């Protein structure tokens, strides 16, 4: 189980960095820069119950990302693993925040948002669609193409 978690974390980080690097290659001269000196990234991994991953993806697609934007939470990317069993129940995404402090405040505001509370309740009327959430805050290295 621990081996799988590290594999998913490593694979998702590699996918993120490859995507960012490819984006830089396809857009010459384009470099992602921080909006503030202390910008941090939050790598989040959600595990869904069996058969609920599509419901979780739909909630993000139809509601969550828009509500994130409303609360100043910047989506960097969203992924699902390629290999089973994680491909059947795992959603991985990265948010950018100006700082850890702002992230804490934005999450509190997001969770208190009446629209989010309704969406959360409505999308779980037939049972939970998330059973586990892992969050890791990361800083870009000095050689990272995204800061």
Protein backbone atom coordinates (compact mmCIF):
# COMPACT_ATOMS: atom_id res chain seq x y z
CA UNK A 1 0.00 0.00 0.00
CA UNK A 2 2.79 2.44 0.96
CA UNK A 3 4.68 1.42 -2.19
CA UNK A 4 1.59 2.26 -4.30
CA UNK A 5 1.21 5.66 -2.62
CA UNK A 6 4.83 6.60 -3.36
CA UNK A 7 4.45 5.33 -6.92
CA UNK A 8 1.34 7.47 -7.48
CA UNK A 9 3.00 10.52 -5.89
CA UNK A 10 6.18 10.04 -7.96
CA UNK A 11 4.29 9.33 -11.17
CA UNK A 12 1.98 12.31 -10.73
CA UNK A 13 4.91 14.62 -10.05
CA UNK A 14 6.72 13.30 -13.14
CA UNK A 15 3.60 13.79 -15.27
CA UNK A 16 3.19 17.33 -13.93
CA UNK A 17 6.80 18.25 -14.67
CA UNK A 18 6.72 16.63 -18.12
CA UNK A 19 3.56 18.57 -18.99
CA UNK A 20 5.06 21.84 -17.83
CA UNK A 21 8.27 21.17 -19.75
CA UNK A 22 6.35 20.24 -22.90
CA UNK A 23 4.28 23.40 -22.57
CA UNK A 24 7.46 25.46 -22.42
CA UNK A 25 8.82 23.73 -25.53
CA UNK A 26 5.60 24.27 -27.49
CA UNK A 27 5.46 27.96 -26.55
CA UNK A 28 8.97 29.34 -27.07
CA UNK A 29 9.80 32.09 -24.66
CA UNK A 30 6.87 31.24 -22.41
CA UNK A 31 7.94 30.70 -18.84
CA UNK A 32 5.58 30.25 -15.92
CA UNK A 33 6.41 32.74 -13.18
CA UNK A 34 5.11 33.10 -9.69
CA UNK A 35 2.66 35.84 -8.93
CA UNK A 36 4.43 36.26 -5.62
CA UNK A 37 7.86 35.26 -4.35
CA UNK A 38 6.48 32.61 -2.00
CA UNK A 39 3.99 30.79 -4.28
CA UNK A 40 3.50 27.20 -3.27
CA UNK A 41 1.93 24.25 -4.99
CA UNK A 42 -0.44 21.76 -3.41
CA UNK A 43 -0.42 18.22 -4.77
CA UNK A 44 -3.72 16.53 -3.88
CA UNK A 45 -4.67 12.90 -4.37
CA UNK A 46 -8.28 11.76 -3.98
CA UNK A 47 -9.34 8.15 -3.70
CA UNK A 48 -12.91 7.34 -4.73
CA UNK A 49 -14.98 4.31 -3.71
CA UNK A 50 -15.37 1.59 -6.32
CA UNK A 51 -17.41 2.85 -9.27
CA UNK A 52 -17.41 6.51 -8.15
CA UNK A 53 -14.41 7.99 -10.00
CA UNK A 54 -16.53 9.25 -12.91
CA UNK A 55 -18.86 10.97 -10.43
CA UNK A 56 -15.85 12.64 -8.78
CA UNK A 57 -14.45 13.76 -12.14
CA UNK A 58 -17.87 15.15 -13.14
CA UNK A 59 -18.07 17.15 -9.90
CA UNK A 60 -14.67 18.72 -10.63
CA UNK A 61 -15.53 19.33 -14.28
CA UNK A 62 -18.97 20.78 -13.63
CA UNK A 63 -18.56 22.61 -10.32
CA UNK A 64 -15.39 22.38 -8.24
CA UNK A 65 -12.92 24.12 -10.54
CA UNK A 66 -15.24 27.09 -10.99
CA UNK A 67 -15.71 27.36 -7.23
CA UNK A 68 -11.92 27.04 -6.73
CA UNK A 69 -11.48 30.01 -9.09
CA UNK A 70 -14.03 32.02 -7.12
CA UNK A 71 -11.85 31.56 -4.03
CA UNK A 72 -8.51 32.39 -5.67
CA UNK A 73 -7.36 28.77 -5.97
CA UNK A 74 -5.40 28.33 -9.22
CA UNK A 75 -5.71 24.95 -10.95
CA UNK A 76 -2.44 23.78 -12.49
CA UNK A 77 -3.64 20.41 -13.78
CA UNK A 78 -5.71 17.30 -13.18
CA UNK A 79 -4.70 13.69 -13.84
CA UNK A 80 -5.73 10.08 -13.42
CA UNK A 81 -3.12 7.30 -13.26
CA UNK A 82 -2.73 5.12 -16.34
CA UNK A 83 -2.32 1.81 -14.52
CA UNK A 84 -4.80 -0.20 -12.48
CA UNK A 85 -5.80 -0.31 -9.74
CA UNK A 86 -5.20 3.44 -9.18
CA UNK A 87 -6.62 4.28 -12.63
CA UNK A 88 -9.99 3.06 -11.40
CA UNK A 89 -10.27 5.18 -8.26
CA UNK A 90 -7.68 7.99 -8.14
CA UNK A 91 -7.77 11.66 -9.13
CA UNK A 92 -4.60 13.72 -8.76
CA UNK A 93 -4.42 17.48 -9.13
CA UNK A 94 -2.21 20.44 -8.36
CA UNK A 95 -3.29 23.85 -7.11
CA UNK A 96 -1.11 26.96 -6.89
CA UNK A 97 -1.42 29.32 -3.94
CA UNK A 98 0.40 32.59 -3.19
CA UNK A 99 1.42 31.13 0.19
CA UNK A 100 0.50 28.43 2.72
CA UNK A 101 -1.36 31.03 4.76
CA UNK A 102 -3.48 32.08 1.79
CA UNK A 103 -4.11 28.40 0.97
CA UNK A 104 -5.43 27.82 4.48
CA UNK A 105 -7.73 30.84 4.23
CA UNK A 106 -8.92 29.93 0.70
CA UNK A 107 -9.73 26.35 1.74
CA UNK A 108 -11.71 27.60 4.74
CA UNK A 109 -13.68 29.99 2.51
CA UNK A 110 -14.19 27.27 -0.09
CA UNK A 111 -15.54 24.80 2.47
CA UNK A 112 -17.86 27.47 3.93
CA UNK A 113 -19.19 28.51 0.52
CA UNK A 114 -22.95 27.76 0.35
CA UNK A 115 -22.67 26.82 -3.33
CA UNK A 116 -19.93 24.27 -2.54
CA UNK A 117 -21.91 22.86 0.38
CA UNK A 118 -24.91 22.32 -1.91
CA UNK A 119 -22.79 20.77 -4.68
CA UNK A 120 -21.07 18.50 -2.16
CA UNK A 121 -24.38 17.33 -0.69
CA UNK A 122 -26.05 16.90 -4.09
CA UNK A 123 -23.16 14.88 -5.57
CA UNK A 124 -23.09 12.53 -2.59
CA UNK A 125 -26.81 11.81 -2.38
CA UNK A 126 -26.07 8.22 -3.50
CA UNK A 127 -23.06 7.81 -1.22
CA UNK A 128 -19.58 9.22 -0.74
CA UNK A 129 -17.53 9.90 -3.86
CA UNK A 130 -14.28 10.49 -1.94
CA UNK A 131 -12.96 8.17 0.77
CA UNK A 132 -9.45 9.54 1.16
CA UNK A 133 -7.71 12.87 0.54
CA UNK A 134 -3.96 13.37 0.64
CA UNK A 135 -2.44 16.85 0.43
CA UNK A 136 1.25 17.69 0.08
CA UNK A 137 2.55 21.25 -0.23
CA UNK A 138 5.61 21.50 -2.46
CA UNK A 139 8.00 24.23 -3.51
CA UNK A 140 9.56 24.43 -6.96
CA UNK A 141 13.27 23.72 -7.14
CA UNK A 142 15.68 26.32 -8.51
CA UNK A 143 15.79 24.37 -11.80
CA UNK A 144 12.01 23.92 -12.13
CA UNK A 145 10.50 25.41 -15.30
CA UNK A 146 7.51 26.55 -13.24
CA UNK A 147 7.92 28.73 -10.17
